Amino acid sequence: MVAGRSAGDDRELALDRLAEADLDGGHDGHPRGTGISGPGPGRPAPSALHRPSRAWLGRVAVLAALVVAVVAVLYAGHTQPGTVDRWFVDPTDDSVGQPWRRVALALDFFGEPVGSVALVAALMAGCLLLRRPRSAALLAAGTVVSVGTTTLLKQVVGRTIHGPGNLSYPSGHTAFATALAVALALLVAGLLRLGRTAGLVLVLGVALVGGAAMGWAQVALGAHYPTDVLGGWCTALAVVPATGWLVDRTAGRMSGAGLPVRR
């Protein structure tokens, strides 16, 4: 056993390798190496987290949680943009005109209940077609927990925009988009069997793009301050790795106990 790694980690790694071997096995008529075929009967499902970069994702999650906490303390109870916010834009007014406003509204729609549910459902269906049930579970759980965390933090921090009824820190829309991006990047990293560095770069890069796109829309529409966007981005980076670990842990225990796990 490698020093510093628990027996449970070794068992999970062995299960992942078994699942990957099955992907190469060409079950269901798919050629070897395509990554299309999922685990066959009796095979473990591939993990939700990208295992080679799991330790570094944990470190990123801790750092992100610290950023969320620090910014929350700095802006608790505030009703106006801070100095950092004004470096970027005056967030109290719509800052873009057409046609960019339409782009911002389209992005914003996918953070609203109807758009977000439809998007997550479609992506979950894709995961199940790829026989990645843990990735599907992470898409659902990661986005729900991230948005739920921002909702709770808004009540605690009490920062507002455009009046006392509009709690703003952290941005739930940005957290949703970032969580979705991270979950999808983890799926792709697993499908491509990337190494630790490549996998981590992919996850953080996609998270940055997804969070920045939605964050821009929120600031452009005057719905959030830039520091709210930072808080939402970091919330997702803190929540999704922990949620992915729980998904893998729960699925592993169910599989080990002989309980049915959807393949």
Protein backbone atom coordinates (compact mmCIF):
# COMPACT_ATOMS: atom_id res chain seq x y z
CA MET A 1 0.00 0.00 0.00
CA VAL A 2 1.27 3.51 -0.80
CA ALA A 3 2.07 5.55 2.28
CA GLY A 4 -0.58 8.13 3.19
CA ARG A 5 -3.35 6.32 1.36
CA SER A 6 -6.03 4.46 3.26
CA ALA A 7 -7.29 0.98 2.52
CA GLY A 8 -10.60 2.55 1.51
CA ASP A 9 -8.83 4.72 -1.06
CA ASP A 10 -7.03 1.67 -2.46
CA ARG A 11 -10.33 -0.17 -2.76
CA GLU A 12 -12.01 2.77 -4.52
CA LEU A 13 -9.05 3.13 -6.88
CA ALA A 14 -9.25 -0.56 -7.71
CA LEU A 15 -12.97 -0.22 -8.42
CA ASP A 16 -12.29 2.74 -10.72
CA ARG A 17 -9.69 0.76 -12.63
CA LEU A 18 -12.13 -2.12 -12.94
CA ALA A 19 -14.74 0.25 -14.33
CA GLU A 20 -12.24 1.74 -16.77
CA ALA A 21 -11.19 -1.72 -17.89
CA ASP A 22 -14.83 -2.42 -18.63
CA LEU A 23 -14.98 0.77 -20.72
CA ASP A 24 -12.17 -0.64 -22.82
CA GLY A 25 -13.83 -4.01 -23.04
CA GLY A 26 -16.17 -3.10 -25.85
CA HIS A 27 -19.40 -4.21 -24.15
CA ASP A 28 -22.70 -3.55 -25.92
CA GLY A 29 -21.04 -3.66 -29.33
CA HIS A 30 -18.93 -0.52 -28.93
CA PRO A 31 -15.29 -0.69 -30.04
CA ARG A 32 -12.49 -0.72 -27.51
CA GLY A 33 -11.20 2.60 -26.23
CA THR A 34 -14.22 4.67 -27.22
CA GLY A 35 -15.29 5.29 -23.64
CA ILE A 36 -18.90 4.95 -24.78
CA SER A 37 -19.80 1.71 -23.12
CA GLY A 38 -20.41 1.89 -19.41
CA PRO A 39 -20.00 -0.66 -16.68
CA GLY A 40 -21.47 -4.02 -17.45
CA PRO A 41 -23.33 -6.29 -15.06
CA GLY A 42 -21.52 -6.56 -11.74
CA ARG A 43 -19.06 -3.81 -12.65
CA PRO A 44 -18.65 -0.68 -10.49
CA ALA A 45 -19.75 2.64 -11.95
CA PRO A 46 -16.94 5.16 -12.65
CA SER A 47 -16.47 7.73 -9.90
CA ALA A 48 -17.99 11.19 -9.95
CA LEU A 49 -14.73 12.86 -8.92
CA HIS A 50 -11.66 12.73 -11.12
CA ARG A 51 -9.58 10.54 -8.84
CA PRO A 52 -6.05 11.62 -9.94
CA SER A 53 -6.81 15.25 -9.04
CA ARG A 54 -9.05 14.55 -6.05
CA ALA A 55 -6.52 15.67 -3.43
CA TRP A 56 -5.88 18.96 -5.21
CA LEU A 57 -9.60 19.54 -5.67
CA GLY A 58 -9.91 19.18 -1.91
CA ARG A 59 -7.27 21.86 -1.40
CA VAL A 60 -9.04 24.12 -3.87
CA ALA A 61 -12.31 23.57 -1.99
CA VAL A 62 -10.75 24.61 1.32
CA LEU A 63 -9.20 27.73 -0.22
CA ALA A 64 -12.50 28.63 -1.91
CA ALA A 65 -14.40 28.25 1.37
CA LEU A 66 -11.93 30.62 3.04
CA VAL A 67 -12.48 33.21 0.30
CA VAL A 68 -16.26 32.94 0.73
CA ALA A 69 -15.91 33.48 4.47
CA VAL A 70 -13.51 36.43 4.19
CA VAL A 71 -15.61 38.28 1.62
CA ALA A 72 -18.74 37.57 3.67
CA VAL A 73 -17.17 39.19 6.73
CA LEU A 74 -15.98 42.19 4.71
CA TYR A 75 -19.38 42.93 3.17
CA ALA A 76 -21.84 41.69 5.80
CA GLY A 77 -24.80 44.05 6.05
CA HIS A 78 -23.58 46.36 3.26
CA THR A 79 -26.06 48.02 0.93
CA GLN A 80 -23.65 49.65 -1.52
CA PRO A 81 -20.89 48.43 -3.85
CA GLY A 82 -17.45 48.32 -2.32
CA THR A 83 -14.20 49.70 -3.65
CA VAL A 84 -13.34 46.46 -5.41
CA ASP A 85 -16.77 46.40 -7.07
CA ARG A 86 -16.28 49.90 -8.44
CA TRP A 87 -12.99 48.87 -10.04
CA PHE A 88 -15.05 46.88 -12.53
CA VAL A 89 -18.37 48.64 -13.02
CA ASP A 90 -21.07 50.61 -11.24
CA PRO A 91 -23.26 47.64 -10.31
CA THR A 92 -26.36 49.66 -9.46
CA ASP A 93 -27.44 50.14 -13.08
CA ASP A 94 -27.71 47.97 -16.18
CA SER A 95 -24.29 48.32 -17.74
CA VAL A 96 -24.86 46.89 -21.22
CA GLY A 97 -27.12 47.69 -24.13
CA GLN A 98 -28.33 45.60 -27.03
CA PRO A 99 -27.40 43.11 -28.35
CA TRP A 100 -25.32 42.14 -25.31
CA ARG A 101 -28.25 42.63 -23.00
CA ARG A 102 -30.09 39.83 -24.82
CA VAL A 103 -27.06 37.59 -24.31
CA ALA A 104 -27.03 38.43 -20.61
CA LEU A 105 -30.75 37.69 -20.31
CA ALA A 106 -30.31 34.35 -22.09
CA LEU A 107 -27.55 33.35 -19.68
CA ASP A 108 -29.62 34.54 -16.75
CA PHE A 109 -32.54 32.36 -17.88
CA PHE A 110 -30.49 29.21 -17.38
CA GLY A 111 -29.99 30.20 -13.76
CA GLU A 112 -33.72 30.61 -13.19
CA PRO A 113 -35.84 27.67 -11.94
CA VAL A 114 -37.32 26.62 -15.30
CA GLY A 115 -34.14 27.03 -17.31
CA SER A 116 -31.88 25.44 -14.71
CA VAL A 117 -34.09 22.40 -14.18
CA ALA A 118 -34.40 21.80 -17.92
CA LEU A 119 -30.65 22.16 -18.42
CA VAL A 120 -29.70 19.87 -15.55
CA ALA A 121 -32.26 17.26 -16.61
CA ALA A 122 -30.91 17.22 -20.17
CA LEU A 123 -27.31 16.89 -19.00
CA MET A 124 -28.22 14.16 -16.52
CA ALA A 125 -29.87 12.24 -19.35
CA GLY A 126 -26.63 12.53 -21.30
CA CYS A 127 -24.66 11.18 -18.34
CA LEU A 128 -26.99 8.20 -18.06
CA LEU A 129 -26.66 7.51 -21.79
CA LEU A 130 -22.90 7.45 -21.23
CA ARG A 131 -23.51 5.11 -18.28
CA ARG A 132 -22.09 7.57 -15.78
CA PRO A 133 -24.73 7.50 -13.03
CA ARG A 134 -22.44 9.04 -10.44
CA SER A 135 -21.78 11.99 -12.73
CA ALA A 136 -25.53 12.40 -13.18
CA ALA A 137 -25.97 12.36 -9.41
CA LEU A 138 -23.22 14.96 -9.01
CA LEU A 139 -24.83 17.24 -11.58
CA ALA A 140 -28.07 17.21 -9.61
CA ALA A 141 -26.65 17.24 -6.09
CA GLY A 142 -23.79 19.63 -6.83
CA THR A 143 -26.01 22.31 -8.33
CA VAL A 144 -28.74 21.95 -5.70
CA VAL A 145 -26.34 22.05 -2.76
CA SER A 146 -24.39 24.98 -4.24
CA VAL A 147 -27.52 27.07 -4.79
CA GLY A 148 -28.90 26.04 -1.41
CA THR A 149 -25.66 27.12 0.26
CA THR A 150 -25.79 30.55 -1.39
CA THR A 151 -29.42 30.95 -0.30
CA LEU A 152 -28.47 30.22 3.31
CA LEU A 153 -25.42 32.49 3.17
CA LYS A 154 -27.50 35.38 1.83
CA GLN A 155 -29.64 35.24 4.95
CA VAL A 156 -26.57 35.18 7.18
CA VAL A 157 -24.52 37.86 5.41
CA GLY A 158 -27.38 40.25 4.75
CA ARG A 159 -25.78 42.18 1.91
CA THR A 160 -28.33 43.83 -0.39
CA ILE A 161 -28.57 45.51 -3.78
CA HIS A 162 -31.39 47.79 -5.01
CA GLY A 163 -33.14 47.85 -1.66
CA PRO A 164 -33.47 45.86 1.56
CA GLY A 165 -35.38 42.95 0.02
CA ASN A 166 -32.71 42.00 -2.51
CA LEU A 167 -30.08 39.86 -0.81
CA SER A 168 -27.05 39.58 -3.03
CA TYR A 169 -24.06 37.77 -1.47
CA PRO A 170 -23.14 35.27 -2.78
CA SER A 171 -24.57 35.01 -6.29
CA GLY A 172 -26.72 31.90 -6.65
CA HIS A 173 -26.76 32.12 -10.44
CA THR A 174 -22.97 32.15 -10.55
CA ALA A 175 -22.77 29.27 -8.09
CA PHE A 176 -25.17 27.25 -10.24
CA ALA A 177 -23.25 27.86 -13.47
CA THR A 178 -19.92 27.09 -11.81
CA ALA A 179 -21.21 23.91 -10.17
CA LEU A 180 -22.58 22.75 -13.51
CA ALA A 181 -19.28 23.53 -15.22
CA VAL A 182 -17.23 21.69 -12.59
CA ALA A 183 -19.45 18.60 -12.72
CA LEU A 184 -19.23 18.47 -16.51
CA ALA A 185 -15.47 19.01 -16.48
CA LEU A 186 -15.06 16.16 -14.00
CA LEU A 187 -17.08 13.94 -16.32
CA VAL A 188 -14.92 14.86 -19.33
CA ALA A 189 -11.71 14.39 -17.35
CA GLY A 190 -12.85 10.90 -16.44
CA LEU A 191 -13.93 10.02 -19.96
CA LEU A 192 -10.61 11.21 -21.38
CA ARG A 193 -8.68 9.62 -18.50
CA LEU A 194 -6.64 12.74 -17.94
CA GLY A 195 -3.80 12.83 -15.45
CA ARG A 196 -3.74 14.91 -12.30
CA THR A 197 -2.41 18.14 -13.78
CA ALA A 198 -4.43 18.02 -16.99
CA GLY A 199 -7.58 17.10 -15.11
CA LEU A 200 -7.16 19.89 -12.57
CA VAL A 201 -6.43 22.47 -15.28
CA LEU A 202 -9.51 21.36 -17.20
CA VAL A 203 -11.78 21.55 -14.16
CA LEU A 204 -10.54 24.97 -13.02
CA GLY A 205 -10.49 26.35 -16.57
CA VAL A 206 -14.05 25.28 -17.32
CA ALA A 207 -15.17 26.52 -13.90
CA LEU A 208 -13.62 29.90 -14.64
CA VAL A 209 -15.31 30.18 -18.02
CA GLY A 210 -18.71 29.04 -16.77
CA GLY A 211 -18.61 31.22 -13.67
CA ALA A 212 -17.29 34.25 -15.54
CA ALA A 213 -20.00 34.01 -18.20
CA MET A 214 -22.85 33.87 -15.70
CA GLY A 215 -21.15 36.36 -13.41
CA TRP A 216 -20.80 38.84 -16.25
CA ALA A 217 -24.51 38.47 -16.99
CA GLN A 218 -25.45 39.11 -13.36
CA VAL A 219 -23.31 42.23 -13.08
CA ALA A 220 -24.38 43.46 -16.53
CA LEU A 221 -28.04 43.16 -15.54
CA GLY A 222 -27.40 44.93 -12.25
CA ALA A 223 -28.46 41.90 -10.22
CA HIS A 224 -25.17 41.45 -8.34
CA TYR A 225 -21.96 43.16 -7.36
CA PRO A 226 -18.72 41.70 -8.76
CA THR A 227 -17.76 40.49 -5.29
CA ASP A 228 -21.09 38.62 -5.11
CA VAL A 229 -20.00 36.81 -8.26
CA LEU A 230 -16.67 35.92 -6.66
CA GLY A 231 -18.53 34.54 -3.66
CA GLY A 232 -20.83 32.43 -5.82
CA TRP A 233 -17.92 31.07 -7.85
CA CYS A 234 -15.98 30.10 -4.75
CA THR A 235 -19.07 28.60 -3.12
CA ALA A 236 -19.42 26.12 -5.98
CA LEU A 237 -15.69 25.34 -5.93
CA ALA A 238 -16.02 24.55 -2.23
CA VAL A 239 -19.25 22.56 -2.47
CA VAL A 240 -18.92 20.41 -5.59
CA PRO A 241 -15.74 18.48 -4.66
CA ALA A 242 -17.23 17.67 -1.25
CA THR A 243 -20.50 16.62 -2.85
CA GLY A 244 -18.66 14.46 -5.38
CA TRP A 245 -16.77 12.74 -2.57
CA LEU A 246 -20.07 12.00 -0.82
CA VAL A 247 -21.61 10.66 -4.04
CA ASP A 248 -18.68 8.30 -4.56
CA ARG A 249 -18.62 7.29 -0.91
CA THR A 250 -22.34 6.55 -0.81
CA ALA A 251 -22.35 4.67 -4.11
CA GLY A 252 -19.30 2.66 -3.04
CA ARG A 253 -20.95 1.63 0.20
CA MET A 254 -24.16 0.67 -1.57
CA SER A 255 -22.20 -1.40 -4.06
CA GLY A 256 -20.14 -3.02 -1.32
CA ALA A 257 -23.26 -3.87 0.66
CA GLY A 258 -24.82 -5.54 -2.36
CA LEU A 259 -27.53 -2.89 -2.69
CA PRO A 260 -28.77 -2.07 -6.19
CA VAL A 261 -26.88 0.77 -7.81
CA ARG A 262 -28.21 2.02 -11.11
CA ARG A 263 -25.87 1.24 -13.94
